[in-house]
Amino acid sequence: MKTAFLSPFLLLLLTACGTERVVERPVIHEVVRVEWREIPADLTARCPKSEIPDSLTFGQAVELWAEDRAAIEQCNGKLAGIESLGADE
């Protein structure tokens, strides 16, 4: 009589161990939004390039260096303008 009384409980225990729940992890998807912006023509214009003469005096070399320095500063200003287009977001 004891075994008849205990067998339903044992059967419940065995079926409870037999069920397994599988929980899947959620998948995270990254969405990338690309936005195209028109770059103004004055920012994409070529930077001036100095011509080096065949006979160059020391004074001319200093003037040429100053012109090149000004051209580099102008180009750096253009690059900063292009970089600021992306920073507006």
PDB file of N, CA and C in Angstrom:
ATOM      1  N   MET A   1       0.811  -1.189   0.000  1.00  0.00           N
ATOM      2  CA  MET A   1       0.000   0.000   0.000  1.00  0.00           C
ATOM      3  C   MET A   1       0.864   1.266   0.000  1.00  0.00           C
ATOM      4  N   LYS A   2       2.017   1.178   0.654  1.00  0.00           N
ATOM      5  CA  LYS A   2       2.902   2.328   0.683  1.00  0.00           C
ATOM      6  C   LYS A   2       3.431   2.634  -0.707  1.00  0.00           C
ATOM      7  N   THR A   3       3.766   1.617  -1.466  1.00  0.00           N
ATOM      8  CA  THR A   3       4.303   1.859  -2.805  1.00  0.00           C
ATOM      9  C   THR A   3       3.235   2.457  -3.719  1.00  0.00           C
ATOM     10  N   ALA A   4       1.997   2.062  -3.537  1.00  0.00           N
ATOM     11  CA  ALA A   4       0.924   2.628  -4.344  1.00  0.00           C
ATOM     12  C   ALA A   4       0.713   4.109  -3.974  1.00  0.00           C
ATOM     13  N   PHE A   5       0.954   4.404  -2.737  1.00  0.00           N
ATOM     14  CA  PHE A   5       0.795   5.778  -2.273  1.00  0.00           C
ATOM     15  C   PHE A   5       1.963   6.662  -2.743  1.00  0.00           C
ATOM     16  N   LEU A   6       3.193   6.118  -2.780  1.00  0.00           N
ATOM     17  CA  LEU A   6       4.376   6.882  -3.151  1.00  0.00           C
ATOM     18  C   LEU A   6       4.592   6.965  -4.663  1.00  0.00           C
ATOM     19  N   SER A   7       4.075   6.047  -5.438  1.00  0.00           N
ATOM     20  CA  SER A   7       4.353   6.025  -6.873  1.00  0.00           C
ATOM     21  C   SER A   7       3.844   7.274  -7.611  1.00  0.00           C
ATOM     22  N   PRO A   8       2.679   7.866  -7.301  1.00  0.00           N
ATOM     23  CA  PRO A   8       2.311   9.100  -8.012  1.00  0.00           C
ATOM     24  C   PRO A   8       3.272  10.255  -7.724  1.00  0.00           C
ATOM     25  N   PHE A   9       3.789  10.315  -6.508  1.00  0.00           N
ATOM     26  CA  PHE A   9       4.745  11.373  -6.181  1.00  0.00           C
ATOM     27  C   PHE A   9       6.074  11.169  -6.916  1.00  0.00           C
ATOM     28  N   LEU A  10       6.520   9.935  -6.993  1.00  0.00           N
ATOM     29  CA  LEU A  10       7.744   9.649  -7.729  1.00  0.00           C
ATOM     30  C   LEU A  10       7.553   9.940  -9.222  1.00  0.00           C
ATOM     31  N   LEU A  11       6.392   9.609  -9.725  1.00  0.00           N
ATOM     32  CA  LEU A  11       6.113   9.882 -11.143  1.00  0.00           C
ATOM     33  C   LEU A  11       6.121  11.395 -11.411  1.00  0.00           C
ATOM     34  N   LEU A  12       5.561  12.190 -10.481  1.00  0.00           N
ATOM     35  CA  LEU A  12       5.591  13.648 -10.634  1.00  0.00           C
ATOM     36  C   LEU A  12       7.020  14.194 -10.593  1.00  0.00           C
ATOM     37  N   LEU A  13       7.830  13.646  -9.708  1.00  0.00           N
ATOM     38  CA  LEU A  13       9.216  14.088  -9.611  1.00  0.00           C
ATOM     39  C   LEU A  13       9.990  13.760 -10.887  1.00  0.00           C
ATOM     40  N   LEU A  14       9.784  12.601 -11.447  1.00  0.00           N
ATOM     41  CA  LEU A  14      10.496  12.221 -12.659  1.00  0.00           C
ATOM     42  C   LEU A  14      10.074  13.059 -13.860  1.00  0.00           C
ATOM     43  N   THR A  15       8.802  13.358 -13.963  1.00  0.00           N
ATOM     44  CA  THR A  15       8.365  14.173 -15.098  1.00  0.00           C
ATOM     45  C   THR A  15       8.819  15.631 -14.930  1.00  0.00           C
ATOM     46  N   ALA A  16       8.938  16.112 -13.715  1.00  0.00           N
ATOM     47  CA  ALA A  16       9.408  17.475 -13.486  1.00  0.00           C
ATOM     48  C   ALA A  16      10.875  17.607 -13.882  1.00  0.00           C
ATOM     49  N   CYS A  17      11.661  16.593 -13.676  1.00  0.00           N
ATOM     50  CA  CYS A  17      13.073  16.638 -14.055  1.00  0.00           C
ATOM     51  C   CYS A  17      13.252  16.464 -15.556  1.00  0.00           C
ATOM     52  N   GLY A  18      12.301  15.858 -16.205  1.00  0.00           N
ATOM     53  CA  GLY A  18      12.421  15.584 -17.629  1.00  0.00           C
ATOM     54  C   GLY A  18      12.143  16.794 -18.503  1.00  0.00           C
ATOM     55  N   THR A  19      11.440  17.789 -18.003  1.00  0.00           N
ATOM     56  CA  THR A  19      11.144  18.953 -18.847  1.00  0.00           C
ATOM     57  C   THR A  19      12.280  19.964 -18.728  1.00  0.00           C
ATOM     58  N   GLU A  20      12.696  20.487 -19.839  1.00  0.00           N
ATOM     59  CA  GLU A  20      13.782  21.454 -19.847  1.00  0.00           C
ATOM     60  C   GLU A  20      13.343  22.652 -20.675  1.00  0.00           C
ATOM     61  N   ARG A  21      13.492  23.810 -20.117  1.00  0.00           N
ATOM     62  CA  ARG A  21      13.152  25.035 -20.820  1.00  0.00           C
ATOM     63  C   ARG A  21      14.415  25.672 -21.364  1.00  0.00           C
ATOM     64  N   VAL A  22      14.401  25.984 -22.631  1.00  0.00           N
ATOM     65  CA  VAL A  22      15.549  26.626 -23.253  1.00  0.00           C
ATOM     66  C   VAL A  22      15.171  28.073 -23.531  1.00  0.00           C
ATOM     67  N   VAL A  23      15.938  28.964 -22.942  1.00  0.00           N
ATOM     68  CA  VAL A  23      15.694  30.383 -23.141  1.00  0.00           C
ATOM     69  C   VAL A  23      16.831  30.915 -24.002  1.00  0.00           C
ATOM     70  N   GLU A  24      16.485  31.445 -25.174  1.00  0.00           N
ATOM     71  CA  GLU A  24      17.504  31.977 -26.066  1.00  0.00           C
ATOM     72  C   GLU A  24      17.789  33.436 -25.719  1.00  0.00           C
ATOM     73  N   ARG A  25      19.046  33.803 -25.883  1.00  0.00           N
ATOM     74  CA  ARG A  25      19.435  35.186 -25.633  1.00  0.00           C
ATOM     75  C   ARG A  25      18.910  36.061 -26.755  1.00  0.00           C
ATOM     76  N   PRO A  26      18.498  37.273 -26.434  1.00  0.00           N
ATOM     77  CA  PRO A  26      18.064  38.182 -27.504  1.00  0.00           C
ATOM     78  C   PRO A  26      19.260  38.621 -28.344  1.00  0.00           C
ATOM     79  N   VAL A  27      19.043  38.785 -29.621  1.00  0.00           N
ATOM     80  CA  VAL A  27      20.088  39.204 -30.534  1.00  0.00           C
ATOM     81  C   VAL A  27      19.984  40.714 -30.711  1.00  0.00           C
ATOM     82  N   ILE A  28      21.106  41.383 -30.520  1.00  0.00           N
ATOM     83  CA  ILE A  28      21.136  42.832 -30.645  1.00  0.00           C
ATOM     84  C   ILE A  28      21.614  43.177 -32.048  1.00  0.00           C
ATOM     85  N   HIS A  29      20.831  43.956 -32.759  1.00  0.00           N
ATOM     86  CA  HIS A  29      21.182  44.398 -34.099  1.00  0.00           C
ATOM     87  C   HIS A  29      21.519  45.880 -34.050  1.00  0.00           C
ATOM     88  N   GLU A  30      22.636  46.232 -34.658  1.00  0.00           N
ATOM     89  CA  GLU A  30      23.034  47.632 -34.699  1.00  0.00           C
ATOM     90  C   GLU A  30      22.577  48.227 -36.028  1.00  0.00           C
ATOM     91  N   VAL A  31      21.914  49.344 -35.940  1.00  0.00           N
ATOM     92  CA  VAL A  31      21.423  50.019 -37.135  1.00  0.00           C
ATOM     93  C   VAL A  31      22.318  51.234 -37.383  1.00  0.00           C
ATOM     94  N   VAL A  32      22.887  51.294 -38.568  1.00  0.00           N
ATOM     95  CA  VAL A  32      23.772  52.387 -38.929  1.00  0.00           C
ATOM     96  C   VAL A  32      23.050  53.265 -39.941  1.00  0.00           C
ATOM     97  N   ARG A  33      22.998  54.544 -39.664  1.00  0.00           N
ATOM     98  CA  ARG A  33      22.342  55.493 -40.561  1.00  0.00           C
ATOM     99  C   ARG A  33      23.408  56.358 -41.204  1.00  0.00           C
ATOM    100  N   VAL A  34      23.440  56.338 -42.507  1.00  0.00           N
ATOM    101  CA  VAL A  34      24.410  57.126 -43.254  1.00  0.00           C
ATOM    102  C   VAL A  34      23.677  58.305 -43.875  1.00  0.00           C
ATOM    103  N   GLU A  35      24.196  59.473 -43.626  1.00  0.00           N
ATOM    104  CA  GLU A  35      23.591  60.688 -44.171  1.00  0.00           C
ATOM    105  C   GLU A  35      24.642  61.398 -45.018  1.00  0.00           C
ATOM    106  N   TRP A  36      24.303  61.656 -46.258  1.00  0.00           N
ATOM    107  CA  TRP A  36      25.221  62.329 -47.165  1.00  0.00           C
ATOM    108  C   TRP A  36      24.972  63.828 -47.120  1.00  0.00           C
ATOM    109  N   ARG A  37      26.047  64.563 -47.036  1.00  0.00           N
ATOM    110  CA  ARG A  37      25.958  66.015 -47.036  1.00  0.00           C
ATOM    111  C   ARG A  37      26.815  66.556 -48.166  1.00  0.00           C
ATOM    112  N   GLU A  38      26.343  67.605 -48.775  1.00  0.00           N
ATOM    113  CA  GLU A  38      27.088  68.254 -49.850  1.00  0.00           C
ATOM    114  C   GLU A  38      28.200  69.106 -49.234  1.00  0.00           C
ATOM    115  N   ILE A  39      29.409  68.924 -49.724  1.00  0.00           N
ATOM    116  CA  ILE A  39      30.536  69.732 -49.241  1.00  0.00           C
ATOM    117  C   ILE A  39      30.637  70.951 -50.154  1.00  0.00           C
ATOM    118  N   PRO A  40      30.675  72.147 -49.584  1.00  0.00           N
ATOM    119  CA  PRO A  40      30.767  73.358 -50.409  1.00  0.00           C
ATOM    120  C   PRO A  40      32.018  73.349 -51.295  1.00  0.00           C
ATOM    121  N   ALA A  41      31.889  73.940 -52.473  1.00  0.00           N
ATOM    122  CA  ALA A  41      32.976  73.937 -53.451  1.00  0.00           C
ATOM    123  C   ALA A  41      34.206  74.681 -52.947  1.00  0.00           C
ATOM    124  N   ASP A  42      34.020  75.714 -52.138  1.00  0.00           N
ATOM    125  CA  ASP A  42      35.191  76.458 -51.658  1.00  0.00           C
ATOM    126  C   ASP A  42      36.042  75.620 -50.702  1.00  0.00           C
ATOM    127  N   LEU A  43      35.455  74.592 -50.086  1.00  0.00           N
ATOM    128  CA  LEU A  43      36.230  73.727 -49.192  1.00  0.00           C
ATOM    129  C   LEU A  43      36.965  72.630 -49.955  1.00  0.00           C
ATOM    130  N   THR A  44      36.531  72.328 -51.179  1.00  0.00           N
ATOM    131  CA  THR A  44      37.171  71.265 -51.943  1.00  0.00           C
ATOM    132  C   THR A  44      38.104  71.797 -53.023  1.00  0.00           C
ATOM    133  N   ALA A  45      38.267  73.110 -53.118  1.00  0.00           N
ATOM    134  CA  ALA A  45      39.170  73.691 -54.119  1.00  0.00           C
ATOM    135  C   ALA A  45      40.618  73.336 -53.778  1.00  0.00           C
ATOM    136  N   ARG A  46      41.416  73.163 -54.803  1.00  0.00           N
ATOM    137  CA  ARG A  46      42.825  72.813 -54.589  1.00  0.00           C
ATOM    138  C   ARG A  46      43.572  73.958 -53.913  1.00  0.00           C
ATOM    139  N   CYS A  47      44.531  73.592 -53.102  1.00  0.00           N
ATOM    140  CA  CYS A  47      45.359  74.590 -52.423  1.00  0.00           C
ATOM    141  C   CYS A  47      46.445  75.085 -53.381  1.00  0.00           C
ATOM    142  N   PRO A  48      46.815  76.345 -53.260  1.00  0.00           N
ATOM    143  CA  PRO A  48      47.832  76.880 -54.176  1.00  0.00           C
ATOM    144  C   PRO A  48      49.196  76.236 -53.928  1.00  0.00           C
ATOM    145  N   LYS A  49      49.930  76.079 -55.005  1.00  0.00           N
ATOM    146  CA  LYS A  49      51.269  75.483 -54.916  1.00  0.00           C
ATOM    147  C   LYS A  49      52.271  76.487 -55.471  1.00  0.00           C
ATOM    148  N   SER A  50      53.288  76.787 -54.721  1.00  0.00           N
ATOM    149  CA  SER A  50      54.291  77.763 -55.150  1.00  0.00           C
ATOM    150  C   SER A  50      55.260  77.126 -56.142  1.00  0.00           C
ATOM    151  N   GLU A  51      55.619  77.898 -57.134  1.00  0.00           N
ATOM    152  CA  GLU A  51      56.626  77.460 -58.105  1.00  0.00           C
ATOM    153  C   GLU A  51      57.995  77.889 -57.605  1.00  0.00           C
ATOM    154  N   ILE A  52      58.939  76.984 -57.655  1.00  0.00           N
ATOM    155  CA  ILE A  52      60.302  77.291 -57.208  1.00  0.00           C
ATOM    156  C   ILE A  52      61.110  77.711 -58.439  1.00  0.00           C
ATOM    157  N   PRO A  53      61.630  78.943 -58.433  1.00  0.00           N
ATOM    158  CA  PRO A  53      62.432  79.387 -59.588  1.00  0.00           C
ATOM    159  C   PRO A  53      63.775  78.660 -59.637  1.00  0.00           C
ATOM    160  N   ASP A  54      64.383  78.674 -60.827  1.00  0.00           N
ATOM    161  CA  ASP A  54      65.675  77.992 -61.001  1.00  0.00           C
ATOM    162  C   ASP A  54      66.763  78.626 -60.141  1.00  0.00           C
ATOM    163  N   SER A  55      66.848  79.954 -60.167  1.00  0.00           N
ATOM    164  CA  SER A  55      67.837  80.624 -59.319  1.00  0.00           C
ATOM    165  C   SER A  55      67.080  81.253 -58.148  1.00  0.00           C
ATOM    166  N   LEU A  56      67.399  80.792 -56.963  1.00  0.00           N
ATOM    167  CA  LEU A  56      66.656  81.201 -55.767  1.00  0.00           C
ATOM    168  C   LEU A  56      67.618  81.858 -54.787  1.00  0.00           C
ATOM    169  N   THR A  57      67.355  83.101 -54.449  1.00  0.00           N
ATOM    170  CA  THR A  57      68.180  83.783 -53.451  1.00  0.00           C
ATOM    171  C   THR A  57      67.611  83.489 -52.064  1.00  0.00           C
ATOM    172  N   PHE A  58      68.381  83.870 -51.069  1.00  0.00           N
ATOM    173  CA  PHE A  58      67.928  83.630 -49.701  1.00  0.00           C
ATOM    174  C   PHE A  58      66.647  84.408 -49.403  1.00  0.00           C
ATOM    175  N   GLY A  59      66.558  85.623 -49.860  1.00  0.00           N
ATOM    176  CA  GLY A  59      65.369  86.440 -49.639  1.00  0.00           C
ATOM    177  C   GLY A  59      64.148  85.854 -50.336  1.00  0.00           C
ATOM    178  N   GLN A  60      64.350  85.365 -51.564  1.00  0.00           N
ATOM    179  CA  GLN A  60      63.241  84.725 -52.277  1.00  0.00           C
ATOM    180  C   GLN A  60      62.795  83.446 -51.575  1.00  0.00           C
ATOM    181  N   ALA A  61      63.749  82.718 -50.997  1.00  0.00           N
ATOM    182  CA  ALA A  61      63.413  81.474 -50.283  1.00  0.00           C
ATOM    183  C   ALA A  61      62.553  81.778 -49.058  1.00  0.00           C
ATOM    184  N   VAL A  62      62.863  82.875 -48.365  1.00  0.00           N
ATOM    185  CA  VAL A  62      62.072  83.264 -47.201  1.00  0.00           C
ATOM    186  C   VAL A  62      60.665  83.664 -47.634  1.00  0.00           C
ATOM    187  N   GLU A  63      60.552  84.411 -48.736  1.00  0.00           N
ATOM    188  CA  GLU A  63      59.237  84.791 -49.245  1.00  0.00           C
ATOM    189  C   GLU A  63      58.435  83.561 -49.692  1.00  0.00           C
ATOM    190  N   LEU A  64      59.131  82.633 -50.353  1.00  0.00           N
ATOM    191  CA  LEU A  64      58.482  81.400 -50.794  1.00  0.00           C
ATOM    192  C   LEU A  64      57.988  80.593 -49.599  1.00  0.00           C
ATOM    193  N   TRP A  65      58.804  80.544 -48.549  1.00  0.00           N
ATOM    194  CA  TRP A  65      58.413  79.831 -47.340  1.00  0.00           C
ATOM    195  C   TRP A  65      57.174  80.483 -46.712  1.00  0.00           C
ATOM    196  N   ALA A  66      57.128  81.811 -46.697  1.00  0.00           N
ATOM    197  CA  ALA A  66      55.983  82.520 -46.117  1.00  0.00           C
ATOM    198  C   ALA A  66      54.717  82.262 -46.939  1.00  0.00           C
ATOM    199  N   GLU A  67      54.853  82.241 -48.267  1.00  0.00           N
ATOM    200  CA  GLU A  67      53.699  81.940 -49.117  1.00  0.00           C
ATOM    201  C   GLU A  67      53.193  80.518 -48.878  1.00  0.00           C
ATOM    202  N   ASP A  68      54.130  79.579 -48.796  1.00  0.00           N
ATOM    203  CA  ASP A  68      53.744  78.188 -48.549  1.00  0.00           C
ATOM    204  C   ASP A  68      53.098  78.025 -47.174  1.00  0.00           C
ATOM    205  N   ARG A  69      53.625  78.739 -46.212  1.00  0.00           N
ATOM    206  CA  ARG A  69      53.059  78.687 -44.858  1.00  0.00           C
ATOM    207  C   ARG A  69      51.615  79.206 -44.860  1.00  0.00           C
ATOM    208  N   ALA A  70      51.363  80.290 -45.589  1.00  0.00           N
ATOM    209  CA  ALA A  70      50.014  80.842 -45.686  1.00  0.00           C
ATOM    210  C   ALA A  70      49.082  79.869 -46.416  1.00  0.00           C
ATOM    211  N   ALA A  71      49.603  79.194 -47.446  1.00  0.00           N
ATOM    212  CA  ALA A  71      48.793  78.214 -48.181  1.00  0.00           C
ATOM    213  C   ALA A  71      48.438  77.028 -47.292  1.00  0.00           C
ATOM    214  N   ILE A  72      49.385  76.591 -46.465  1.00  0.00           N
ATOM    215  CA  ILE A  72      49.113  75.469 -45.551  1.00  0.00           C
ATOM    216  C   ILE A  72      48.058  75.862 -44.524  1.00  0.00           C
ATOM    217  N   GLU A  73      48.156  77.066 -44.001  1.00  0.00           N
ATOM    218  CA  GLU A  73      47.152  77.544 -43.043  1.00  0.00           C
ATOM    219  C   GLU A  73      45.767  77.606 -43.688  1.00  0.00           C
ATOM    220  N   GLN A  74      45.722  78.042 -44.950  1.00  0.00           N
ATOM    221  CA  GLN A  74      44.449  78.109 -45.664  1.00  0.00           C
ATOM    222  C   GLN A  74      43.871  76.697 -45.852  1.00  0.00           C
ATOM    223  N   CYS A  75      44.716  75.747 -46.211  1.00  0.00           N
ATOM    224  CA  CYS A  75      44.249  74.364 -46.387  1.00  0.00           C
ATOM    225  C   CYS A  75      43.791  73.759 -45.063  1.00  0.00           C
ATOM    226  N   ASN A  76      44.491  74.066 -43.981  1.00  0.00           N
ATOM    227  CA  ASN A  76      44.067  73.574 -42.674  1.00  0.00           C
ATOM    228  C   ASN A  76      42.715  74.162 -42.285  1.00  0.00           C
ATOM    229  N   GLY A  77      42.467  75.408 -42.672  1.00  0.00           N
ATOM    230  CA  GLY A  77      41.155  76.012 -42.422  1.00  0.00           C
ATOM    231  C   GLY A  77      40.057  75.299 -43.198  1.00  0.00           C
ATOM    232  N   LYS A  78      40.369  74.903 -44.437  1.00  0.00           N
ATOM    233  CA  LYS A  78      39.392  74.149 -45.237  1.00  0.00           C
ATOM    234  C   LYS A  78      39.098  72.798 -44.594  1.00  0.00           C
ATOM    235  N   LEU A  79      40.140  72.115 -44.134  1.00  0.00           N
ATOM    236  CA  LEU A  79      39.943  70.818 -43.486  1.00  0.00           C
ATOM    237  C   LEU A  79      39.117  70.952 -42.211  1.00  0.00           C
ATOM    238  N   ALA A  80      39.349  72.011 -41.467  1.00  0.00           N
ATOM    239  CA  ALA A  80      38.546  72.243 -40.262  1.00  0.00           C
ATOM    240  C   ALA A  80      37.083  72.472 -40.635  1.00  0.00           C
ATOM    241  N   GLY A  81      36.850  73.173 -41.752  1.00  0.00           N
ATOM    242  CA  GLY A  81      35.482  73.381 -42.217  1.00  0.00           C
ATOM    243  C   GLY A  81      34.807  72.081 -42.608  1.00  0.00           C
ATOM    244  N   ILE A  82      35.554  71.177 -43.263  1.00  0.00           N
ATOM    245  CA  ILE A  82      35.002  69.873 -43.644  1.00  0.00           C
ATOM    246  C   ILE A  82      34.721  69.041 -42.399  1.00  0.00           C
ATOM    247  N   GLU A  83      35.631  69.070 -41.420  1.00  0.00           N
ATOM    248  CA  GLU A  83      35.419  68.320 -40.176  1.00  0.00           C
ATOM    249  C   GLU A  83      34.203  68.846 -39.409  1.00  0.00           C
ATOM    250  N   SER A  84      33.962  70.145 -39.479  1.00  0.00           N
ATOM    251  CA  SER A  84      32.817  70.703 -38.748  1.00  0.00           C
ATOM    252  C   SER A  84      31.495  70.279 -39.365  1.00  0.00           C
ATOM    253  N   LEU A  85      31.491  69.890 -40.639  1.00  0.00           N
ATOM    254  CA  LEU A  85      30.268  69.385 -41.257  1.00  0.00           C
ATOM    255  C   LEU A  85      29.809  68.097 -40.578  1.00  0.00           C
ATOM    256  N   GLY A  86      30.749  67.236 -40.197  1.00  0.00           N
ATOM    257  CA  GLY A  86      30.408  65.984 -39.525  1.00  0.00           C
ATOM    258  C   GLY A  86      30.093  66.167 -38.057  1.00  0.00           C
ATOM    259  N   ALA A  87      30.523  67.277 -37.460  1.00  0.00           N
ATOM    260  CA  ALA A  87      30.308  67.507 -36.034  1.00  0.00           C
ATOM    261  C   ALA A  87      28.935  68.132 -35.752  1.00  0.00           C
ATOM    262  N   ASP A  88      28.176  68.491 -36.790  1.00  0.00           N
ATOM    263  CA  ASP A  88      26.876  69.120 -36.586  1.00  0.00           C
ATOM    264  C   ASP A  88      25.812  68.165 -36.079  1.00  0.00           C
ATOM    265  N   GLU A  89      26.126  66.887 -36.062  1.00  0.00           N
ATOM    266  CA  GLU A  89      25.110  65.882 -35.690  1.00  0.00           C
ATOM    267  C   GLU A  89      24.739  65.966 -34.270  1.00  0.00           C
TER     268      GLU A  89
END
